[in-house]
Amino acid sequence: MRRNEPLMDRLPEAMIYQDHGCDIHTSCLSCPLPQCRYDDPGWIQRTGRGQRDAEMLKLRATQELPVHELASRFGISTRTVHRILSRAEPELQAMVS
Protein backbone atom coordinates (compact mmCIF):
# COMPACT_ATOMS: atom_id res chain seq x y z
CA MET A 1 0.00 0.00 0.00
CA ARG A 2 1.24 3.45 -0.84
CA ARG A 3 1.31 6.27 1.64
CA ASN A 4 -1.07 8.64 -0.07
CA GLU A 5 -3.70 6.08 -1.09
CA PRO A 6 -6.93 6.28 0.92
CA LEU A 7 -7.92 3.27 2.99
CA MET A 8 -10.87 1.24 1.71
CA ASP A 9 -14.12 2.27 3.34
CA ARG A 10 -15.13 -0.43 5.80
CA LEU A 11 -18.81 0.42 6.11
CA PRO A 12 -21.19 -2.56 6.29
CA GLU A 13 -22.24 -1.98 2.69
CA ALA A 14 -18.69 -2.77 1.55
CA MET A 15 -18.44 -5.96 3.63
CA ILE A 16 -19.75 -9.40 2.84
CA TYR A 17 -22.33 -10.15 5.52
CA GLN A 18 -23.91 -13.53 6.07
CA ASP A 19 -27.02 -13.46 8.22
CA HIS A 20 -26.96 -16.68 10.23
CA GLY A 21 -29.24 -15.49 13.02
CA CYS A 22 -29.06 -17.19 16.39
CA ASP A 23 -30.66 -20.07 18.29
CA ILE A 24 -33.93 -18.10 18.54
CA HIS A 25 -34.39 -17.16 14.86
CA THR A 26 -32.60 -18.12 11.67
CA SER A 27 -32.20 -14.55 10.37
CA CYS A 28 -31.30 -11.36 12.24
CA LEU A 29 -32.91 -9.15 9.62
CA SER A 30 -36.34 -10.77 9.95
CA CYS A 31 -36.22 -11.64 13.67
CA PRO A 32 -39.51 -11.08 15.53
CA LEU A 33 -37.84 -10.26 18.87
CA PRO A 34 -38.15 -6.64 20.01
CA GLN A 35 -34.47 -6.66 21.03
CA CYS A 36 -31.48 -8.70 19.91
CA ARG A 37 -30.56 -11.41 22.37
CA TYR A 38 -26.89 -10.42 22.03
CA ASP A 39 -27.55 -6.75 22.93
CA ASP A 40 -28.66 -7.82 26.41
CA PRO A 41 -27.80 -11.49 27.00
CA GLY A 42 -29.80 -11.73 30.23
CA TRP A 43 -32.98 -10.45 28.62
CA ILE A 44 -34.20 -13.82 27.33
CA GLN A 45 -33.46 -15.50 30.68
CA ARG A 46 -35.28 -12.80 32.65
CA THR A 47 -38.33 -13.14 30.42
CA GLY A 48 -38.33 -16.90 30.87
CA ARG A 49 -38.00 -16.58 34.62
CA GLY A 50 -40.93 -14.16 34.73
CA GLN A 51 -43.14 -16.65 32.92
CA ARG A 52 -41.93 -19.48 35.17
CA ASP A 53 -42.63 -17.41 38.29
CA ALA A 54 -46.15 -16.52 37.12
CA GLU A 55 -46.93 -20.16 36.41
CA MET A 56 -45.54 -21.16 39.82
CA LEU A 57 -47.69 -18.57 41.62
CA LYS A 58 -50.74 -19.73 39.68
CA LEU A 59 -50.14 -23.35 40.71
CA ARG A 60 -49.54 -22.31 44.31
CA ALA A 61 -52.81 -20.35 44.40
CA THR A 62 -55.05 -22.83 42.56
CA GLN A 63 -53.68 -26.21 43.63
CA GLU A 64 -52.02 -25.16 46.92
CA LEU A 65 -48.90 -27.17 46.07
CA PRO A 66 -46.20 -27.34 48.75
CA VAL A 67 -42.82 -25.70 48.19
CA HIS A 68 -40.94 -28.96 47.64
CA GLU A 69 -43.42 -30.03 44.95
CA LEU A 70 -43.09 -26.69 43.13
CA ALA A 71 -39.31 -26.97 43.32
CA SER A 72 -39.26 -30.44 41.78
CA ARG A 73 -41.78 -29.50 39.05
CA PHE A 74 -39.76 -26.49 37.92
CA GLY A 75 -36.31 -27.98 38.53
CA ILE A 76 -35.21 -25.31 41.01
CA SER A 77 -34.26 -25.30 44.68
CA THR A 78 -36.75 -24.84 47.50
CA ARG A 79 -34.89 -21.63 48.43
CA THR A 80 -35.60 -20.22 44.97
CA VAL A 81 -39.28 -21.07 45.39
CA HIS A 82 -39.30 -19.24 48.74
CA ARG A 83 -37.66 -16.18 47.10
CA ILE A 84 -40.28 -16.11 44.34
CA LEU A 85 -43.13 -16.45 46.82
CA SER A 86 -41.74 -13.77 49.13
CA ARG A 87 -41.29 -11.32 46.24
CA ALA A 88 -44.85 -11.91 45.11
CA GLU A 89 -46.45 -11.74 48.56
CA PRO A 90 -46.89 -7.91 48.68
CA GLU A 91 -48.53 -8.01 45.25
CA LEU A 92 -50.84 -10.84 46.29
CA GLN A 93 -51.85 -9.06 49.49
CA ALA A 94 -52.63 -5.90 47.51
CA MET A 95 -54.87 -7.93 45.20
CA VAL A 96 -56.78 -9.44 48.14
CA SER A 97 -57.39 -6.14 49.94
C-alpha atoms as a PDB file:
ATOM      1  CA  MET A   1       0.000   0.000   0.000  1.00  0.00           C
ATOM      2  CA  ARG A   2       1.239   3.446  -0.836  1.00  0.00           C
ATOM      3  CA  ARG A   3       1.310   6.265   1.645  1.00  0.00           C
ATOM      4  CA  ASN A   4      -1.073   8.643  -0.074  1.00  0.00           C
ATOM      5  CA  GLU A   5      -3.696   6.077  -1.089  1.00  0.00           C
ATOM      6  CA  PRO A   6      -6.933   6.284   0.916  1.00  0.00           C
ATOM      7  CA  LEU A   7      -7.925   3.265   2.990  1.00  0.00           C
ATOM      8  CA  MET A   8     -10.873   1.244   1.710  1.00  0.00           C
ATOM      9  CA  ASP A   9     -14.124   2.273   3.337  1.00  0.00           C
ATOM     10  CA  ARG A  10     -15.131  -0.434   5.802  1.00  0.00           C
ATOM     11  CA  LEU A  11     -18.815   0.417   6.109  1.00  0.00           C
ATOM     12  CA  PRO A  12     -21.193  -2.564   6.292  1.00  0.00           C
ATOM     13  CA  GLU A  13     -22.236  -1.984   2.690  1.00  0.00           C
ATOM     14  CA  ALA A  14     -18.685  -2.769   1.555  1.00  0.00           C
ATOM     15  CA  MET A  15     -18.445  -5.957   3.627  1.00  0.00           C
ATOM     16  CA  ILE A  16     -19.752  -9.402   2.841  1.00  0.00           C
ATOM     17  CA  TYR A  17     -22.326 -10.149   5.519  1.00  0.00           C
ATOM     18  CA  GLN A  18     -23.913 -13.529   6.072  1.00  0.00           C
ATOM     19  CA  ASP A  19     -27.022 -13.458   8.219  1.00  0.00           C
ATOM     20  CA  HIS A  20     -26.956 -16.677  10.226  1.00  0.00           C
ATOM     21  CA  GLY A  21     -29.242 -15.493  13.016  1.00  0.00           C
ATOM     22  CA  CYS A  22     -29.059 -17.194  16.393  1.00  0.00           C
ATOM     23  CA  ASP A  23     -30.656 -20.070  18.294  1.00  0.00           C
ATOM     24  CA  ILE A  24     -33.925 -18.102  18.537  1.00  0.00           C
ATOM     25  CA  HIS A  25     -34.393 -17.158  14.863  1.00  0.00           C
ATOM     26  CA  THR A  26     -32.598 -18.118  11.668  1.00  0.00           C
ATOM     27  CA  SER A  27     -32.204 -14.554  10.369  1.00  0.00           C
ATOM     28  CA  CYS A  28     -31.296 -11.362  12.236  1.00  0.00           C
ATOM     29  CA  LEU A  29     -32.912  -9.147   9.625  1.00  0.00           C
ATOM     30  CA  SER A  30     -36.345 -10.766   9.952  1.00  0.00           C
ATOM     31  CA  CYS A  31     -36.218 -11.642  13.669  1.00  0.00           C
ATOM     32  CA  PRO A  32     -39.513 -11.083  15.527  1.00  0.00           C
ATOM     33  CA  LEU A  33     -37.845 -10.263  18.866  1.00  0.00           C
ATOM     34  CA  PRO A  34     -38.146  -6.635  20.009  1.00  0.00           C
ATOM     35  CA  GLN A  35     -34.466  -6.656  21.032  1.00  0.00           C
ATOM     36  CA  CYS A  36     -31.477  -8.695  19.912  1.00  0.00           C
ATOM     37  CA  ARG A  37     -30.560 -11.410  22.372  1.00  0.00           C
ATOM     38  CA  TYR A  38     -26.893 -10.418  22.029  1.00  0.00           C
ATOM     39  CA  ASP A  39     -27.552  -6.753  22.927  1.00  0.00           C
ATOM     40  CA  ASP A  40     -28.663  -7.818  26.407  1.00  0.00           C
ATOM     41  CA  PRO A  41     -27.798 -11.487  27.003  1.00  0.00           C
ATOM     42  CA  GLY A  42     -29.796 -11.735  30.228  1.00  0.00           C
ATOM     43  CA  TRP A  43     -32.981 -10.449  28.623  1.00  0.00           C
ATOM     44  CA  ILE A  44     -34.198 -13.824  27.333  1.00  0.00           C
ATOM     45  CA  GLN A  45     -33.461 -15.498  30.675  1.00  0.00           C
ATOM     46  CA  ARG A  46     -35.283 -12.796  32.648  1.00  0.00           C
ATOM     47  CA  THR A  47     -38.335 -13.139  30.425  1.00  0.00           C
ATOM     48  CA  GLY A  48     -38.333 -16.900  30.871  1.00  0.00           C
ATOM     49  CA  ARG A  49     -38.000 -16.579  34.621  1.00  0.00           C
ATOM     50  CA  GLY A  50     -40.930 -14.158  34.735  1.00  0.00           C
ATOM     51  CA  GLN A  51     -43.137 -16.645  32.918  1.00  0.00           C
ATOM     52  CA  ARG A  52     -41.927 -19.478  35.172  1.00  0.00           C
ATOM     53  CA  ASP A  53     -42.632 -17.407  38.291  1.00  0.00           C
ATOM     54  CA  ALA A  54     -46.149 -16.521  37.125  1.00  0.00           C
ATOM     55  CA  GLU A  55     -46.925 -20.165  36.412  1.00  0.00           C
ATOM     56  CA  MET A  56     -45.545 -21.155  39.817  1.00  0.00           C
ATOM     57  CA  LEU A  57     -47.686 -18.575  41.616  1.00  0.00           C
ATOM     58  CA  LYS A  58     -50.737 -19.726  39.679  1.00  0.00           C
ATOM     59  CA  LEU A  59     -50.142 -23.348  40.715  1.00  0.00           C
ATOM     60  CA  ARG A  60     -49.543 -22.308  44.311  1.00  0.00           C
ATOM     61  CA  ALA A  61     -52.814 -20.351  44.398  1.00  0.00           C
ATOM     62  CA  THR A  62     -55.046 -22.826  42.557  1.00  0.00           C
ATOM     63  CA  GLN A  63     -53.675 -26.214  43.632  1.00  0.00           C
ATOM     64  CA  GLU A  64     -52.017 -25.164  46.915  1.00  0.00           C
ATOM     65  CA  LEU A  65     -48.895 -27.170  46.072  1.00  0.00           C
ATOM     66  CA  PRO A  66     -46.200 -27.337  48.753  1.00  0.00           C
ATOM     67  CA  VAL A  67     -42.822 -25.704  48.190  1.00  0.00           C
ATOM     68  CA  HIS A  68     -40.936 -28.958  47.640  1.00  0.00           C
ATOM     69  CA  GLU A  69     -43.422 -30.025  44.950  1.00  0.00           C
ATOM     70  CA  LEU A  70     -43.089 -26.689  43.131  1.00  0.00           C
ATOM     71  CA  ALA A  71     -39.308 -26.971  43.317  1.00  0.00           C
ATOM     72  CA  SER A  72     -39.261 -30.438  41.782  1.00  0.00           C
ATOM     73  CA  ARG A  73     -41.779 -29.499  39.052  1.00  0.00           C
ATOM     74  CA  PHE A  74     -39.759 -26.489  37.917  1.00  0.00           C
ATOM     75  CA  GLY A  75     -36.313 -27.979  38.531  1.00  0.00           C
ATOM     76  CA  ILE A  76     -35.215 -25.314  41.011  1.00  0.00           C
ATOM     77  CA  SER A  77     -34.256 -25.297  44.681  1.00  0.00           C
ATOM     78  CA  THR A  78     -36.749 -24.845  47.497  1.00  0.00           C
ATOM     79  CA  ARG A  79     -34.889 -21.634  48.429  1.00  0.00           C
ATOM     80  CA  THR A  80     -35.597 -20.216  44.966  1.00  0.00           C
ATOM     81  CA  VAL A  81     -39.281 -21.066  45.390  1.00  0.00           C
ATOM     82  CA  HIS A  82     -39.295 -19.236  48.736  1.00  0.00           C
ATOM     83  CA  ARG A  83     -37.662 -16.178  47.098  1.00  0.00           C
ATOM     84  CA  ILE A  84     -40.276 -16.114  44.339  1.00  0.00           C
ATOM     85  CA  LEU A  85     -43.132 -16.454  46.821  1.00  0.00           C
ATOM     86  CA  SER A  86     -41.739 -13.769  49.134  1.00  0.00           C
ATOM     87  CA  ARG A  87     -41.291 -11.316  46.235  1.00  0.00           C
ATOM     88  CA  ALA A  88     -44.854 -11.906  45.113  1.00  0.00           C
ATOM     89  CA  GLU A  89     -46.446 -11.737  48.565  1.00  0.00           C
ATOM     90  CA  PRO A  90     -46.886  -7.913  48.679  1.00  0.00           C
ATOM     91  CA  GLU A  91     -48.530  -8.006  45.246  1.00  0.00           C
ATOM     92  CA  LEU A  92     -50.837 -10.845  46.289  1.00  0.00           C
ATOM     93  CA  GLN A  93     -51.847  -9.064  49.490  1.00  0.00           C
ATOM     94  CA  ALA A  94     -52.625  -5.897  47.514  1.00  0.00           C
ATOM     95  CA  MET A  95     -54.873  -7.928  45.201  1.00  0.00           C
ATOM     96  CA  VAL A  96     -56.776  -9.436  48.145  1.00  0.00           C
ATOM     97  CA  SER A  97     -57.391  -6.141  49.942  1.00  0.00           C
END
